[in-house]
Protein backbone atom coordinates (compact mmCIF):
# COMPACT_ATOMS: atom_id res chain seq x y z
CA MET A 1 -134.27 -108.09 -43.08
CA ALA A 2 -131.58 -107.46 -40.77
CA MET A 3 -129.19 -104.16 -40.67
CA SER A 4 -126.34 -107.01 -39.94
CA ASP A 5 -126.88 -107.90 -43.42
CA ILE A 6 -126.93 -104.61 -45.51
CA ALA A 7 -124.01 -103.32 -43.64
CA PRO A 8 -121.04 -105.64 -45.43
CA ASP A 9 -122.82 -104.35 -49.08
CA THR A 10 -122.86 -100.90 -48.33
CA SER A 11 -119.50 -100.73 -46.66
CA GLN A 12 -117.93 -102.89 -50.09
CA GLY A 13 -120.20 -100.29 -52.14
CA VAL A 14 -118.37 -97.24 -50.36
CA ALA A 15 -114.93 -99.18 -50.71
CA LYS A 16 -115.30 -99.41 -54.35
CA ARG A 17 -116.20 -95.77 -55.03
CA LYS A 18 -113.17 -94.41 -53.07
CA ASP A 19 -111.07 -96.95 -55.34
CA ASN A 20 -112.92 -95.87 -58.69
CA SER A 21 -112.09 -92.06 -57.32
CA ALA A 22 -108.58 -92.64 -56.30
CA ARG A 23 -108.19 -94.30 -59.67
CA ILE A 24 -109.60 -91.57 -61.62
CA ARG A 25 -107.45 -89.23 -59.80
CA ARG A 26 -104.11 -91.11 -60.79
CA THR A 27 -105.12 -91.17 -64.32
CA ALA A 28 -105.96 -87.79 -64.61
CA THR A 29 -102.57 -87.01 -62.54
CA HIS A 30 -100.44 -89.05 -65.12
CA LEU A 31 -102.71 -87.76 -68.01
CA GLY A 32 -101.56 -84.09 -66.62
CA LEU A 33 -97.63 -85.37 -65.99
CA PHE A 34 -97.68 -86.64 -69.79
CA LEU A 35 -99.90 -83.49 -71.42
CA GLY A 36 -97.24 -81.14 -69.53
CA LEU A 37 -94.49 -82.76 -70.92
CA LEU A 38 -95.54 -82.53 -74.39
CA ALA A 39 -95.90 -79.15 -73.92
CA ILE A 40 -92.64 -78.25 -72.65
CA TRP A 41 -90.86 -80.54 -75.90
CA GLU A 42 -93.26 -78.95 -77.96
CA ILE A 43 -92.26 -75.10 -76.73
CA ALA A 44 -88.89 -76.16 -76.02
CA SER A 45 -88.80 -77.26 -80.47
CA ARG A 46 -90.39 -73.55 -81.04
CA LEU A 47 -88.12 -71.99 -79.35
CA GLY A 48 -85.12 -73.49 -81.04
CA TRP A 49 -83.82 -74.97 -77.72
CA LEU A 50 -84.10 -78.87 -79.54
CA ASP A 51 -83.12 -79.51 -83.10
CA PRO A 52 -86.27 -80.34 -84.63
CA LEU A 53 -84.42 -82.63 -87.07
CA PHE A 54 -84.04 -85.43 -84.30
CA TYR A 55 -86.09 -84.44 -82.34
CA PRO A 56 -89.79 -83.18 -83.64
CA ARG A 57 -92.19 -81.77 -82.81
CA PRO A 58 -95.40 -83.38 -80.85
CA THR A 59 -97.56 -81.91 -83.06
CA ASN A 60 -95.04 -83.29 -85.75
CA ILE A 61 -95.40 -86.68 -84.79
CA LEU A 62 -99.42 -86.79 -84.32
CA ARG A 63 -99.12 -85.43 -88.12
CA SER A 64 -97.13 -88.70 -88.84
CA PHE A 65 -99.39 -91.00 -86.44
CA TRP A 66 -102.25 -89.71 -89.47
CA LEU A 67 -99.83 -90.28 -92.28
CA ILE A 68 -98.75 -93.46 -91.73
CA TYR A 69 -101.80 -95.12 -90.06
CA ILE A 70 -104.84 -93.09 -92.27
CA GLN A 71 -103.77 -91.80 -95.21
CA ASN A 72 -100.84 -93.79 -96.56
CA GLY A 73 -101.87 -96.85 -94.21
CA ASN A 74 -98.26 -98.54 -94.34
CA ILE A 75 -98.05 -99.06 -91.38
CA TRP A 76 -100.38 -102.13 -91.02
CA TRP A 77 -98.44 -104.67 -93.01
CA HIS A 78 -95.49 -104.05 -90.89
CA LEU A 79 -97.26 -104.26 -87.52
CA TYR A 80 -99.30 -107.27 -88.84
CA VAL A 81 -95.47 -109.19 -89.36
CA SER A 82 -94.33 -107.71 -86.32
CA LEU A 83 -96.89 -109.02 -83.67
CA GLY A 84 -97.08 -111.92 -85.43
CA LEU A 85 -93.46 -113.23 -85.43
CA VAL A 86 -93.93 -111.68 -81.22
CA PHE A 87 -96.36 -114.18 -80.41
CA ALA A 88 -95.15 -116.84 -82.21
CA GLY A 89 -91.53 -116.48 -80.56
CA PHE A 90 -93.51 -115.79 -77.23
CA LEU A 91 -95.25 -118.88 -77.45
CA ALA A 92 -92.31 -121.16 -78.32
CA GLY A 93 -90.08 -118.89 -75.53
CA SER A 94 -92.87 -119.89 -73.13
CA VAL A 95 -93.46 -123.48 -73.85
CA LEU A 96 -89.89 -124.13 -73.89
CA GLY A 97 -88.98 -122.56 -70.55
CA VAL A 98 -91.95 -123.49 -68.58
CA GLY A 99 -91.64 -127.13 -69.49
CA LEU A 100 -88.02 -127.15 -68.87
CA GLY A 101 -87.83 -125.18 -66.18
CA ALA A 102 -90.65 -127.50 -64.08
CA LEU A 103 -88.66 -130.60 -65.68
CA VAL A 104 -85.29 -129.31 -64.22
CA GLY A 105 -86.94 -128.45 -60.69
CA PHE A 106 -88.60 -131.26 -60.18
CA ASN A 107 -86.31 -133.99 -61.41
CA PRO A 108 -82.84 -133.09 -59.26
CA THR A 109 -80.50 -135.76 -61.59
CA VAL A 110 -81.69 -133.43 -64.86
CA ARG A 111 -81.30 -130.36 -62.59
CA ARG A 112 -77.64 -130.84 -62.15
CA PHE A 113 -76.38 -131.63 -65.32
CA LEU A 114 -78.41 -129.04 -67.04
CA GLN A 115 -78.49 -125.84 -65.08
CA PRO A 116 -74.93 -124.97 -64.94
CA TYR A 117 -75.26 -124.79 -69.04
CA VAL A 118 -78.71 -122.94 -69.20
CA ILE A 119 -76.74 -120.79 -66.70
CA VAL A 120 -73.90 -120.17 -69.55
CA LEU A 121 -76.45 -119.56 -72.40
CA GLU A 122 -78.12 -117.04 -69.98
CA ALA A 123 -75.13 -115.34 -69.84
CA THR A 124 -74.57 -114.99 -73.10
CA PRO A 125 -75.97 -111.45 -75.02
CA ARG A 126 -79.06 -112.73 -77.09
CA ILE A 127 -77.62 -110.13 -80.03
CA ALA A 128 -74.46 -111.96 -80.33
CA VAL A 129 -76.32 -114.93 -80.77
CA ALA A 130 -78.54 -113.23 -83.43
CA PRO A 131 -76.25 -113.62 -86.52
CA ILE A 132 -75.17 -117.01 -85.62
CA LEU A 133 -78.99 -118.14 -85.63
CA ILE A 134 -79.52 -116.16 -89.08
CA ALA A 135 -76.89 -118.41 -90.40
CA ALA A 136 -77.92 -121.55 -89.32
CA LEU A 137 -81.64 -120.58 -90.24
CA GLY A 138 -81.40 -118.44 -92.89
CA PHE A 139 -83.21 -115.08 -93.63
CA GLY A 140 -86.79 -114.85 -93.31
CA ALA A 141 -89.52 -115.92 -90.30
CA GLN A 142 -87.81 -118.59 -89.21
CA SER A 143 -84.51 -117.02 -87.30
CA LYS A 144 -86.99 -114.38 -86.54
CA ILE A 145 -88.73 -116.32 -84.31
CA ALA A 146 -85.51 -118.13 -83.10
CA ILE A 147 -84.25 -115.15 -82.21
CA ILE A 148 -87.79 -114.05 -80.34
CA MET A 149 -87.74 -117.16 -78.57
CA LEU A 150 -84.53 -117.23 -77.16
CA VAL A 151 -85.22 -113.77 -75.85
CA CYS A 152 -88.21 -114.84 -74.37
CA PHE A 153 -86.88 -118.08 -73.15
CA PHE A 154 -84.92 -117.24 -69.48
CA ALA A 155 -87.53 -115.72 -67.64
CA PRO A 156 -90.57 -118.46 -68.01
CA PHE A 157 -87.33 -120.82 -67.30
CA ILE A 158 -86.13 -119.26 -64.29
CA ASN A 159 -89.54 -118.54 -62.63
CA THR A 160 -90.97 -121.83 -63.34
CA LEU A 161 -87.51 -123.40 -61.99
CA SER A 162 -87.73 -120.81 -58.55
CA GLY A 163 -91.65 -121.63 -58.28
CA VAL A 164 -91.13 -125.39 -58.19
CA LEU A 165 -88.37 -125.32 -55.81
CA ASN A 166 -90.12 -123.25 -53.47
CA VAL A 167 -92.76 -125.47 -53.10
CA PRO A 168 -93.23 -126.23 -49.32
CA ALA A 169 -92.19 -129.57 -48.27
CA GLU A 170 -94.86 -130.14 -46.29
CA LYS A 171 -97.37 -130.57 -49.41
CA PHE A 172 -94.95 -132.71 -50.89
CA GLU A 173 -94.90 -134.87 -47.74
CA LEU A 174 -98.68 -134.97 -48.20
CA PHE A 175 -98.69 -136.20 -51.93
CA ARG A 176 -96.44 -138.86 -50.52
CA SER A 177 -98.41 -140.00 -48.04
CA LEU A 178 -101.33 -140.36 -50.43
CA ARG A 179 -98.79 -142.28 -52.98
CA ALA A 180 -99.48 -139.77 -55.89
CA SER A 181 -97.52 -140.31 -58.62
CA LYS A 182 -94.80 -137.90 -60.05
CA TRP A 183 -97.07 -136.80 -62.24
CA THR A 184 -99.97 -136.40 -60.62
CA THR A 185 -97.87 -134.47 -57.91
CA LEU A 186 -96.65 -132.15 -61.05
CA ARG A 187 -99.97 -131.80 -62.28
CA LYS A 188 -102.32 -131.26 -59.24
CA LEU A 189 -99.17 -129.47 -56.54
CA VAL A 190 -96.05 -128.22 -58.09
CA LEU A 191 -97.58 -126.16 -61.07
CA PRO A 192 -100.38 -124.51 -59.52
CA ASP A 193 -98.39 -123.51 -56.44
CA ALA A 194 -95.62 -121.80 -58.67
CA VAL A 195 -98.67 -120.33 -61.13
CA PRO A 196 -98.19 -117.03 -59.33
CA VAL A 197 -94.15 -116.66 -60.29
CA ILE A 198 -94.95 -118.53 -63.76
CA MET A 199 -97.17 -116.06 -64.93
CA ALA A 200 -94.70 -113.13 -63.39
CA GLY A 201 -92.18 -114.44 -66.03
CA GLU A 202 -94.49 -115.13 -68.64
CA ARG A 203 -95.25 -110.93 -68.04
CA LEU A 204 -91.77 -110.70 -68.69
CA ALA A 205 -91.38 -112.31 -71.80
CA LEU A 206 -93.56 -111.47 -73.40
CA THR A 207 -92.73 -107.33 -72.96
CA ALA A 208 -89.18 -108.77 -74.08
CA ALA A 209 -90.28 -110.24 -77.01
CA LEU A 210 -90.56 -106.79 -78.66
CA SER A 211 -86.99 -106.30 -78.01
CA GLY A 212 -86.77 -109.25 -79.57
CA VAL A 213 -88.39 -108.54 -82.84
CA LEU A 214 -86.63 -105.61 -83.25
CA VAL A 215 -83.25 -106.96 -83.33
CA ALA A 216 -84.25 -109.27 -85.48
CA GLU A 217 -85.94 -106.71 -87.60
CA PHE A 218 -82.40 -104.51 -87.33
CA ILE A 219 -80.39 -106.85 -88.69
CA GLN A 220 -82.58 -108.67 -91.70
CA ARG A 221 -83.67 -105.08 -92.46
CA ASP A 222 -86.59 -106.32 -94.80
CA GLN A 223 -90.06 -106.04 -93.68
CA GLY A 224 -91.67 -105.23 -89.51
CA ILE A 225 -91.70 -102.40 -87.72
CA GLY A 226 -87.99 -102.76 -86.90
CA ALA A 227 -87.47 -102.22 -90.18
CA LEU A 228 -89.62 -99.54 -91.14
CA ILE A 229 -88.02 -97.33 -88.31
CA LEU A 230 -84.59 -97.95 -89.86
CA THR A 231 -85.97 -97.01 -93.42
CA TYR A 232 -87.65 -93.97 -91.67
CA THR A 233 -84.08 -92.95 -89.86
CA ARG A 234 -82.42 -93.28 -92.92
CA ASN A 235 -84.48 -90.86 -94.88
CA LEU A 236 -84.35 -88.42 -91.52
CA ASN A 237 -87.46 -88.83 -91.40
CA MET A 238 -87.60 -88.56 -87.47
CA ALA A 239 -91.52 -87.68 -87.30
CA SER A 240 -92.46 -91.17 -88.00
CA ALA A 241 -89.76 -92.88 -86.33
CA PHE A 242 -91.12 -91.56 -83.22
CA ALA A 243 -94.62 -92.53 -84.27
CA CYS A 244 -93.53 -96.07 -85.07
CA ILE A 245 -91.60 -95.78 -81.52
CA PHE A 246 -94.80 -94.40 -79.74
CA THR A 247 -96.84 -97.21 -81.38
CA LEU A 248 -94.34 -99.49 -79.43
CA THR A 249 -94.44 -98.20 -76.59
CA ILE A 250 -99.08 -98.01 -76.31
CA ILE A 251 -98.94 -101.73 -77.79
CA GLY A 252 -95.74 -102.84 -74.97
CA PHE A 253 -98.23 -101.14 -72.49
CA ALA A 254 -101.26 -103.21 -73.75
CA ILE A 255 -99.43 -106.49 -73.72
CA PHE A 256 -98.22 -105.54 -70.14
CA ARG A 257 -101.31 -104.91 -68.70
CA GLY A 258 -103.25 -107.51 -70.16
CA MET A 259 -100.99 -110.29 -68.78
CA GLU A 260 -101.46 -108.80 -65.58
CA TRP A 261 -105.22 -109.18 -66.21
CA LEU A 262 -104.52 -112.92 -66.93
CA ASP A 263 -102.44 -113.38 -64.27
CA HIS A 264 -105.28 -111.78 -62.14
CA ASN A 265 -107.73 -114.33 -63.52
CA ILE A 266 -105.57 -117.52 -64.07
CA ALA A 267 -104.11 -117.31 -60.31
CA PHE A 268 -106.62 -115.50 -58.63
CA TRP A 269 -106.84 -117.32 -55.31
CA LYS A 270 -103.55 -115.46 -54.70
CA HIS A 271 -105.14 -111.88 -55.09
CA GLN A 272 -108.39 -110.64 -52.64
CA GLU A 273 -110.32 -109.84 -54.86
CA GLY A 274 -110.18 -112.56 -57.45
CA ARG A 275 -110.79 -114.73 -53.99
CA GLU A 276 -113.93 -112.69 -53.23
CA LYS A 277 -115.03 -112.81 -56.94
CA ILE A 278 -114.91 -116.61 -56.99
CA SER A 279 -116.50 -116.97 -53.66
CA ALA A 280 -119.52 -114.89 -54.83
CA ARG A 281 -119.78 -116.44 -57.93
CA ARG A 282 -119.80 -120.10 -56.14
CA GLN A 283 -122.44 -118.51 -53.21
CA ARG A 284 -124.92 -117.51 -56.15
CA ALA A 285 -124.29 -121.30 -57.31
CA PHE A 286 -125.60 -122.50 -54.03
CA ASP A 287 -128.11 -120.48 -53.48
CA ALA A 288 -129.41 -121.18 -57.00
CA LYS A 289 -129.48 -124.97 -55.89
CA GLY A 290 -131.16 -123.87 -52.83
CA GLY A 291 -128.65 -123.91 -50.28
CA LEU A 292 -128.95 -126.66 -48.01
């Protein structure tokens, strides 16, 4: 085997080990900073610099995690309700936002009539619309999903519209020269070209859905993680309230990273790692068929 065949694999292995080492160092640095902040918080609370009633000690928050997850287990139903509402509202808002954004961006007539109204609706504070939605739809899951859908709608809509409008003109000319229909152009050119921008909007929408479900549950106060936080703060059980808030932080971080993973796998051609992975997969498939 020639040395030229071995060298690229060796250099790629070295680069991958360097990336892994740098990732481990970054993780260790962030973990050290986080533990340091917790230690400062604990010391400040024990020394009386922070009011333990409103700023409970991290050790008390850890104890509350044990209580609400293991000993009492009362958080699980509220999490189930909240996450179900989050994903239902996100799905409805994303479908509406991407569909309407593609329609408005691809059709100048529709864009001329609908875009001003969407911009006015976007400028309206969503929390101000929430009581109106509850009055119209009543208390229950339907009004909560409507609030979350409204929160999730705008990022996919704006990003889809931007992605559709920024498709290069020469690509449109190529499809016109091939006499492609509008549906074929939308399906084969516009949406695939706009996928990276759309995925960025979806990532923002899904993380915003957590805020939407809290707004809905703060207003209705019947069930869900938002209602549980209100109950704990009303009873001045701040350690459990902080445990719920940190739970939402962890869920939001996991959702964000999950959407990043989806982005890298759906719009793989926009990332070097994705292109290399697909190229290697195609090369293996080609070699398995015996090559040329």
